[in-house]
C-alpha cells in the first residue's frame, strides 16, 4: 500500500500493482475497489496482458478504473533511463519511456516511477544527467518522475 501524504494526512489510499503483479488488470481493479482503495499503480506486464489477452484498449482500461472509482497514480517502473541498463536482458515488467508515457497519460496517471537498475552501480554524474533527461521527456507529456 502507498499513500500520498499531504499535511500529515493520506490524501488517498493507493494499491501498488506489484502487490498483485500477476493478477489480470480487470481482477486487480475489482480487488482494489472492493478493498477500499481509491487509486492504483500499473506495471507493464499487467497493461500488456490487458491489451493483448483481455481485449482491453487503453480507453477501456481507463473506463474500468473510473467505473470502479479508482484513479491511476503512476506507471511503475521505468528502468531504461540509465544508460547501462539498456544492455541488460528485458523482462515482462520492462518498458521504455515512450510506452510508459503513452500508457500513463492514457490511463490518467501523473507519474512515472524510475528504477535505478544497473549492474555497474551508481555513477552520480551519468545517472543525474540521465534522470534529468527522463524528467524533461516526461514533462513534455505532462508527467512527473518519481525515483
N, C-alpha and C. Protein backbone atom coordinates (compact mmCIF):
# COMPACT_ATOMS: atom_id res chain seq x y z
N UNK A 1 0.84 -1.18 0.00
CA UNK A 1 0.00 0.00 0.00
C UNK A 1 0.88 1.24 0.00
N UNK A 2 0.41 2.23 -0.68
CA UNK A 2 1.10 3.51 -0.65
C UNK A 2 0.06 4.58 -0.45
N UNK A 3 0.45 5.67 0.11
CA UNK A 3 -0.45 6.79 0.27
C UNK A 3 0.24 8.07 -0.16
N UNK A 4 -0.53 9.00 -0.62
CA UNK A 4 0.01 10.30 -0.98
C UNK A 4 -0.18 11.19 0.24
N UNK A 5 0.89 11.57 0.88
CA UNK A 5 0.79 12.33 2.13
C UNK A 5 0.67 13.82 1.85
N UNK A 6 -0.26 14.45 2.52
CA UNK A 6 -0.44 15.90 2.45
C UNK A 6 -0.76 16.38 3.86
N UNK A 7 0.07 17.25 4.35
CA UNK A 7 -0.18 17.81 5.67
C UNK A 7 -0.32 16.76 6.76
N UNK A 8 0.41 15.64 6.61
CA UNK A 8 0.36 14.60 7.61
C UNK A 8 -0.81 13.65 7.43
N UNK A 9 -1.69 13.91 6.50
CA UNK A 9 -2.83 13.03 6.26
C UNK A 9 -2.69 12.36 4.90
N UNK A 10 -3.24 11.19 4.77
CA UNK A 10 -3.21 10.49 3.50
C UNK A 10 -4.35 11.02 2.64
N UNK A 11 -3.99 11.53 1.46
CA UNK A 11 -4.98 12.08 0.55
C UNK A 11 -5.86 10.98 -0.03
N UNK A 12 -5.23 9.90 -0.48
CA UNK A 12 -5.98 8.75 -0.99
C UNK A 12 -5.12 7.51 -0.82
N UNK A 13 -5.78 6.42 -0.59
CA UNK A 13 -5.11 5.15 -0.38
C UNK A 13 -4.91 4.47 -1.73
N UNK A 14 -3.66 4.12 -2.05
CA UNK A 14 -3.33 3.54 -3.35
C UNK A 14 -2.73 2.15 -3.17
N UNK A 15 -3.11 1.24 -4.06
CA UNK A 15 -2.57 -0.11 -4.07
C UNK A 15 -1.52 -0.21 -5.18
N UNK A 16 -0.30 -0.57 -4.78
CA UNK A 16 0.78 -0.74 -5.74
C UNK A 16 0.57 -2.04 -6.51
N UNK A 17 0.61 -1.97 -7.82
CA UNK A 17 0.38 -3.12 -8.67
C UNK A 17 1.32 -4.28 -8.35
N UNK A 18 2.51 -3.98 -7.88
CA UNK A 18 3.47 -5.02 -7.54
C UNK A 18 3.00 -5.96 -6.46
N UNK A 19 2.03 -5.52 -5.66
CA UNK A 19 1.47 -6.40 -4.62
C UNK A 19 0.70 -7.56 -5.23
N UNK A 20 0.18 -7.36 -6.43
CA UNK A 20 -0.59 -8.39 -7.15
C UNK A 20 -0.14 -8.39 -8.61
N UNK A 21 1.15 -8.52 -8.81
CA UNK A 21 1.76 -8.31 -10.13
C UNK A 21 1.31 -9.28 -11.22
N UNK A 22 0.82 -10.44 -10.85
CA UNK A 22 0.39 -11.41 -11.87
C UNK A 22 -1.13 -11.49 -12.01
N UNK A 23 -1.84 -10.65 -11.29
CA UNK A 23 -3.30 -10.63 -11.38
C UNK A 23 -3.71 -9.79 -12.58
N UNK A 24 -4.57 -10.32 -13.45
CA UNK A 24 -5.01 -9.54 -14.61
C UNK A 24 -5.66 -8.22 -14.21
N UNK A 25 -5.56 -7.23 -15.10
CA UNK A 25 -6.00 -5.87 -14.82
C UNK A 25 -7.44 -5.80 -14.32
N UNK A 26 -8.37 -6.45 -15.01
CA UNK A 26 -9.78 -6.39 -14.57
C UNK A 26 -9.93 -6.86 -13.14
N UNK A 27 -9.29 -7.96 -12.82
CA UNK A 27 -9.38 -8.53 -11.47
C UNK A 27 -8.67 -7.62 -10.46
N UNK A 28 -7.51 -7.10 -10.83
CA UNK A 28 -6.76 -6.20 -9.95
C UNK A 28 -7.60 -4.98 -9.60
N UNK A 29 -8.24 -4.39 -10.61
CA UNK A 29 -9.09 -3.22 -10.38
C UNK A 29 -10.25 -3.56 -9.46
N UNK A 30 -10.90 -4.69 -9.72
CA UNK A 30 -12.03 -5.10 -8.88
C UNK A 30 -11.59 -5.34 -7.44
N UNK A 31 -10.46 -6.00 -7.26
CA UNK A 31 -9.95 -6.27 -5.91
C UNK A 31 -9.59 -4.98 -5.18
N UNK A 32 -8.94 -4.06 -5.88
CA UNK A 32 -8.55 -2.79 -5.27
C UNK A 32 -9.77 -2.01 -4.83
N UNK A 33 -10.78 -1.94 -5.68
CA UNK A 33 -12.00 -1.21 -5.35
C UNK A 33 -12.74 -1.87 -4.19
N UNK A 34 -12.84 -3.19 -4.22
CA UNK A 34 -13.54 -3.92 -3.15
C UNK A 34 -12.85 -3.76 -1.80
N UNK A 35 -11.54 -3.60 -1.83
CA UNK A 35 -10.77 -3.46 -0.58
C UNK A 35 -10.75 -2.02 -0.08
N UNK A 36 -11.38 -1.10 -0.82
CA UNK A 36 -11.46 0.27 -0.35
C UNK A 36 -10.36 1.20 -0.82
N UNK A 37 -9.54 0.73 -1.74
CA UNK A 37 -8.51 1.61 -2.29
C UNK A 37 -9.16 2.63 -3.21
N UNK A 38 -8.49 3.76 -3.35
CA UNK A 38 -9.00 4.84 -4.20
C UNK A 38 -8.13 5.05 -5.43
N UNK A 39 -6.97 4.42 -5.43
CA UNK A 39 -6.02 4.60 -6.52
C UNK A 39 -5.16 3.35 -6.65
N UNK A 40 -4.56 3.20 -7.83
CA UNK A 40 -3.67 2.08 -8.09
C UNK A 40 -2.49 2.55 -8.95
N UNK A 41 -1.45 1.74 -8.95
CA UNK A 41 -0.37 1.91 -9.92
C UNK A 41 -0.52 0.78 -10.94
N UNK A 42 0.28 0.82 -12.00
CA UNK A 42 0.17 -0.25 -13.01
C UNK A 42 1.55 -0.59 -13.55
N UNK A 43 1.78 -1.87 -13.74
CA UNK A 43 3.03 -2.40 -14.27
C UNK A 43 2.86 -2.78 -15.74
N UNK A 44 3.94 -2.74 -16.52
CA UNK A 44 3.87 -3.09 -17.94
C UNK A 44 3.28 -4.47 -18.22
N UNK A 45 3.68 -5.48 -17.47
CA UNK A 45 3.15 -6.81 -17.74
C UNK A 45 1.63 -6.85 -17.59
N UNK A 46 1.09 -6.06 -16.69
CA UNK A 46 -0.35 -6.06 -16.45
C UNK A 46 -1.08 -5.33 -17.56
N UNK A 47 -0.60 -4.14 -17.97
CA UNK A 47 -1.32 -3.45 -19.05
C UNK A 47 -1.14 -4.18 -20.38
N UNK A 48 0.00 -4.81 -20.58
CA UNK A 48 0.18 -5.56 -21.84
C UNK A 48 -0.75 -6.76 -21.90
N UNK A 49 -0.89 -7.47 -20.80
CA UNK A 49 -1.80 -8.61 -20.75
C UNK A 49 -3.23 -8.14 -21.01
N UNK A 50 -3.62 -7.03 -20.41
CA UNK A 50 -4.97 -6.50 -20.61
C UNK A 50 -5.22 -6.16 -22.07
N UNK A 51 -4.21 -5.63 -22.73
CA UNK A 51 -4.36 -5.24 -24.13
C UNK A 51 -4.32 -6.46 -25.07
N UNK A 52 -3.40 -7.36 -24.84
CA UNK A 52 -3.19 -8.49 -25.77
C UNK A 52 -4.13 -9.66 -25.52
N UNK A 53 -4.38 -9.97 -24.27
CA UNK A 53 -5.13 -11.19 -23.94
C UNK A 53 -6.57 -10.92 -23.52
N UNK A 54 -6.82 -9.75 -22.92
CA UNK A 54 -8.16 -9.47 -22.42
C UNK A 54 -8.95 -8.54 -23.33
N UNK A 55 -8.32 -8.09 -24.42
CA UNK A 55 -9.02 -7.26 -25.39
C UNK A 55 -9.36 -5.86 -24.92
N UNK A 56 -8.67 -5.37 -23.92
CA UNK A 56 -8.89 -4.00 -23.44
C UNK A 56 -7.93 -3.05 -24.13
N UNK A 57 -8.45 -1.96 -24.64
CA UNK A 57 -7.55 -0.91 -25.11
C UNK A 57 -7.35 0.07 -23.94
N UNK A 58 -6.50 1.05 -24.14
CA UNK A 58 -6.20 1.98 -23.04
C UNK A 58 -7.44 2.75 -22.60
N UNK A 59 -8.29 3.14 -23.54
CA UNK A 59 -9.53 3.85 -23.18
C UNK A 59 -10.43 2.94 -22.33
N UNK A 60 -10.49 1.67 -22.69
CA UNK A 60 -11.29 0.72 -21.91
C UNK A 60 -10.73 0.50 -20.52
N UNK A 61 -9.41 0.49 -20.41
CA UNK A 61 -8.78 0.34 -19.10
C UNK A 61 -9.07 1.56 -18.23
N UNK A 62 -9.00 2.74 -18.83
CA UNK A 62 -9.29 3.96 -18.07
C UNK A 62 -10.75 3.97 -17.61
N UNK A 63 -11.64 3.55 -18.48
CA UNK A 63 -13.06 3.49 -18.13
C UNK A 63 -13.28 2.49 -16.99
N UNK A 64 -12.60 1.37 -17.02
CA UNK A 64 -12.70 0.38 -15.95
C UNK A 64 -12.26 0.98 -14.62
N UNK A 65 -11.17 1.72 -14.64
CA UNK A 65 -10.72 2.41 -13.43
C UNK A 65 -11.81 3.37 -12.93
N UNK A 66 -12.31 4.19 -13.83
CA UNK A 66 -13.33 5.18 -13.46
C UNK A 66 -14.60 4.52 -12.95
N UNK A 67 -15.04 3.46 -13.63
CA UNK A 67 -16.25 2.76 -13.21
C UNK A 67 -16.13 2.15 -11.82
N UNK A 68 -14.90 1.90 -11.40
CA UNK A 68 -14.65 1.33 -10.07
C UNK A 68 -14.21 2.38 -9.06
N UNK A 69 -14.31 3.65 -9.43
CA UNK A 69 -13.97 4.73 -8.51
C UNK A 69 -12.50 4.84 -8.21
N UNK A 70 -11.66 4.41 -9.15
CA UNK A 70 -10.21 4.44 -8.95
C UNK A 70 -9.55 5.39 -9.93
N UNK A 71 -8.38 5.88 -9.52
CA UNK A 71 -7.52 6.65 -10.41
C UNK A 71 -6.16 5.96 -10.45
N UNK A 72 -5.45 6.20 -11.54
CA UNK A 72 -4.09 5.70 -11.66
C UNK A 72 -3.15 6.74 -11.08
N UNK A 73 -2.28 6.32 -10.18
CA UNK A 73 -1.28 7.24 -9.65
C UNK A 73 -0.04 7.27 -10.53
N UNK A 74 0.44 6.07 -10.91
CA UNK A 74 1.69 6.01 -11.65
C UNK A 74 1.83 4.71 -12.41
N UNK A 75 2.73 4.73 -13.39
CA UNK A 75 3.19 3.54 -14.07
C UNK A 75 4.58 3.25 -13.54
N UNK A 76 4.81 2.01 -13.21
CA UNK A 76 5.99 1.60 -12.46
C UNK A 76 6.64 0.43 -13.18
N UNK A 77 7.83 0.35 -13.41
CA UNK A 77 8.94 1.16 -13.16
C UNK A 77 9.84 1.20 -14.40
N UNK A 78 10.10 2.37 -14.78
CA UNK A 78 10.96 2.65 -15.94
C UNK A 78 12.42 2.41 -15.56
N UNK A 79 13.05 1.45 -16.23
CA UNK A 79 14.43 1.09 -15.94
C UNK A 79 15.41 1.53 -17.02
N UNK A 80 14.92 1.85 -18.21
CA UNK A 80 15.81 2.08 -19.35
C UNK A 80 16.50 3.44 -19.36
N UNK A 81 16.17 4.29 -18.43
CA UNK A 81 16.72 5.65 -18.43
C UNK A 81 18.20 5.71 -18.08
N UNK A 82 18.71 4.74 -17.35
CA UNK A 82 20.13 4.70 -17.01
C UNK A 82 20.82 3.94 -18.13
N UNK A 83 21.77 4.57 -18.79
CA UNK A 83 22.40 4.01 -19.98
C UNK A 83 22.82 2.57 -19.90
N UNK A 84 23.48 2.15 -18.82
CA UNK A 84 23.98 0.78 -18.77
C UNK A 84 22.87 -0.23 -18.58
N UNK A 85 21.69 0.22 -18.16
CA UNK A 85 20.57 -0.71 -18.02
C UNK A 85 20.07 -1.18 -19.37
N UNK A 86 20.38 -0.43 -20.43
CA UNK A 86 19.91 -0.80 -21.76
C UNK A 86 20.49 -2.12 -22.24
N UNK A 87 21.65 -2.48 -21.73
CA UNK A 87 22.28 -3.71 -22.16
C UNK A 87 21.81 -4.94 -21.40
N UNK A 88 20.97 -4.78 -20.41
CA UNK A 88 20.50 -5.92 -19.64
C UNK A 88 19.34 -6.59 -20.35
N UNK A 89 19.11 -7.84 -20.05
CA UNK A 89 18.02 -8.59 -20.67
C UNK A 89 16.68 -8.02 -20.23
N UNK A 90 15.78 -7.85 -21.19
CA UNK A 90 14.45 -7.33 -20.90
C UNK A 90 13.61 -8.38 -20.20
N UNK A 91 12.74 -7.92 -19.33
CA UNK A 91 11.80 -8.80 -18.65
C UNK A 91 10.38 -8.32 -18.95
N UNK A 92 9.40 -9.06 -18.48
CA UNK A 92 8.00 -8.72 -18.73
C UNK A 92 7.61 -7.39 -18.09
N UNK A 93 8.35 -6.97 -17.07
CA UNK A 93 7.98 -5.71 -16.41
C UNK A 93 8.77 -4.52 -16.92
N UNK A 94 9.57 -4.72 -17.97
CA UNK A 94 10.32 -3.62 -18.55
C UNK A 94 9.49 -2.90 -19.61
N UNK A 95 9.65 -1.59 -19.65
CA UNK A 95 9.03 -0.78 -20.70
C UNK A 95 9.93 0.42 -20.94
N UNK A 96 9.99 0.83 -22.20
CA UNK A 96 10.77 2.04 -22.46
C UNK A 96 9.94 3.26 -22.07
N UNK A 97 10.61 4.37 -21.99
CA UNK A 97 9.96 5.60 -21.51
C UNK A 97 8.77 5.99 -22.37
N UNK A 98 8.84 5.76 -23.67
CA UNK A 98 7.76 6.18 -24.55
C UNK A 98 6.49 5.38 -24.31
N UNK A 99 6.65 4.07 -24.10
CA UNK A 99 5.49 3.24 -23.75
C UNK A 99 4.92 3.67 -22.41
N UNK A 100 5.80 3.94 -21.45
CA UNK A 100 5.35 4.38 -20.12
C UNK A 100 4.56 5.68 -20.24
N UNK A 101 5.08 6.64 -21.01
CA UNK A 101 4.40 7.92 -21.17
C UNK A 101 3.03 7.73 -21.80
N UNK A 102 2.98 6.93 -22.86
CA UNK A 102 1.71 6.69 -23.56
C UNK A 102 0.67 6.10 -22.62
N UNK A 103 1.04 5.04 -21.93
CA UNK A 103 0.09 4.34 -21.07
C UNK A 103 -0.31 5.20 -19.88
N UNK A 104 0.65 5.80 -19.23
CA UNK A 104 0.36 6.62 -18.05
C UNK A 104 -0.59 7.76 -18.41
N UNK A 105 -0.30 8.44 -19.49
CA UNK A 105 -1.16 9.54 -19.92
C UNK A 105 -2.56 9.05 -20.27
N UNK A 106 -2.64 7.97 -21.02
CA UNK A 106 -3.95 7.45 -21.45
C UNK A 106 -4.79 6.97 -20.28
N UNK A 107 -4.15 6.46 -19.24
CA UNK A 107 -4.89 5.96 -18.08
C UNK A 107 -5.14 7.04 -17.03
N UNK A 108 -4.68 8.25 -17.30
CA UNK A 108 -4.94 9.35 -16.39
C UNK A 108 -3.94 9.48 -15.25
N UNK A 109 -2.82 8.79 -15.37
CA UNK A 109 -1.79 8.87 -14.33
C UNK A 109 -1.00 10.17 -14.42
N UNK A 110 -0.23 10.43 -13.39
CA UNK A 110 0.55 11.65 -13.34
C UNK A 110 2.05 11.41 -13.24
N UNK A 111 2.45 10.17 -12.94
CA UNK A 111 3.83 9.93 -12.56
C UNK A 111 4.37 8.64 -13.16
N UNK A 112 5.62 8.69 -13.58
CA UNK A 112 6.38 7.52 -13.98
C UNK A 112 7.35 7.22 -12.85
N UNK A 113 7.39 5.99 -12.41
CA UNK A 113 8.35 5.61 -11.38
C UNK A 113 9.61 5.10 -12.05
N UNK A 114 10.73 5.76 -11.80
CA UNK A 114 12.02 5.37 -12.36
C UNK A 114 12.74 4.49 -11.35
N UNK A 115 13.30 3.41 -11.85
CA UNK A 115 14.04 2.47 -11.02
C UNK A 115 15.50 2.50 -11.47
N UNK A 116 16.40 2.68 -10.51
CA UNK A 116 17.83 2.66 -10.83
C UNK A 116 18.27 1.21 -10.79
N UNK A 117 18.42 0.63 -11.97
CA UNK A 117 18.65 -0.80 -12.07
C UNK A 117 19.80 -1.07 -13.03
N UNK A 118 21.01 -0.94 -12.53
CA UNK A 118 22.19 -1.20 -13.36
C UNK A 118 23.07 -2.22 -12.67
N UNK A 119 23.86 -2.89 -13.45
CA UNK A 119 24.80 -3.84 -12.90
C UNK A 119 26.10 -3.19 -12.46
N UNK A 120 26.27 -1.93 -12.84
CA UNK A 120 27.55 -1.28 -12.53
C UNK A 120 27.46 -0.22 -11.45
N UNK A 121 26.36 -0.21 -10.71
CA UNK A 121 26.26 0.69 -9.58
C UNK A 121 25.97 2.13 -9.96
N UNK A 122 26.11 2.98 -8.99
CA UNK A 122 25.79 4.40 -9.14
C UNK A 122 26.97 5.17 -9.72
N UNK A 123 26.69 5.91 -10.75
CA UNK A 123 27.63 6.88 -11.30
C UNK A 123 26.88 8.21 -11.22
N UNK A 124 27.16 8.99 -10.22
CA UNK A 124 26.35 10.16 -9.91
C UNK A 124 26.19 11.13 -11.08
N UNK A 125 27.28 11.45 -11.76
CA UNK A 125 27.19 12.39 -12.89
C UNK A 125 26.35 11.81 -14.02
N UNK A 126 26.65 10.59 -14.42
CA UNK A 126 25.90 9.94 -15.50
C UNK A 126 24.42 9.79 -15.14
N UNK A 127 24.18 9.30 -13.93
CA UNK A 127 22.80 8.99 -13.53
C UNK A 127 21.98 10.25 -13.28
N UNK A 128 22.60 11.29 -12.76
CA UNK A 128 21.88 12.55 -12.57
C UNK A 128 21.49 13.15 -13.93
N UNK A 129 22.41 13.09 -14.89
CA UNK A 129 22.10 13.60 -16.23
C UNK A 129 21.01 12.77 -16.90
N UNK A 130 21.07 11.46 -16.74
CA UNK A 130 20.06 10.57 -17.32
C UNK A 130 18.69 10.81 -16.68
N UNK A 131 18.66 11.00 -15.38
CA UNK A 131 17.39 11.27 -14.70
C UNK A 131 16.83 12.62 -15.14
N UNK A 132 17.69 13.60 -15.32
CA UNK A 132 17.24 14.91 -15.79
C UNK A 132 16.61 14.79 -17.18
N UNK A 133 17.23 14.00 -18.06
CA UNK A 133 16.66 13.78 -19.41
C UNK A 133 15.30 13.09 -19.31
N UNK A 134 15.19 12.09 -18.44
CA UNK A 134 13.92 11.40 -18.26
C UNK A 134 12.85 12.37 -17.75
N UNK A 135 13.21 13.20 -16.79
CA UNK A 135 12.26 14.19 -16.26
C UNK A 135 11.82 15.18 -17.34
N UNK A 136 12.76 15.63 -18.15
CA UNK A 136 12.42 16.54 -19.25
C UNK A 136 11.48 15.87 -20.25
N UNK A 137 11.78 14.62 -20.60
CA UNK A 137 10.92 13.88 -21.53
C UNK A 137 9.53 13.67 -20.95
N UNK A 138 9.46 13.32 -19.67
CA UNK A 138 8.16 13.12 -19.02
C UNK A 138 7.36 14.42 -18.98
N UNK A 139 8.04 15.52 -18.70
CA UNK A 139 7.36 16.82 -18.63
C UNK A 139 6.72 17.19 -19.96
N UNK A 140 7.32 16.76 -21.06
CA UNK A 140 6.73 17.02 -22.37
C UNK A 140 5.38 16.33 -22.54
N UNK A 141 5.12 15.33 -21.70
CA UNK A 141 3.86 14.60 -21.72
C UNK A 141 2.97 14.97 -20.53
N UNK A 142 3.39 16.00 -19.80
CA UNK A 142 2.63 16.42 -18.63
C UNK A 142 2.76 15.49 -17.44
N UNK A 143 3.84 14.72 -17.41
CA UNK A 143 4.05 13.73 -16.36
C UNK A 143 5.23 14.09 -15.47
N UNK A 144 5.21 13.54 -14.27
CA UNK A 144 6.32 13.70 -13.32
C UNK A 144 7.08 12.39 -13.24
N UNK A 145 8.24 12.43 -12.60
CA UNK A 145 9.04 11.24 -12.38
C UNK A 145 9.31 11.10 -10.90
N UNK A 146 9.11 9.89 -10.39
CA UNK A 146 9.48 9.55 -9.03
C UNK A 146 10.64 8.56 -9.11
N UNK A 147 11.61 8.71 -8.24
CA UNK A 147 12.77 7.82 -8.25
C UNK A 147 12.71 6.93 -7.04
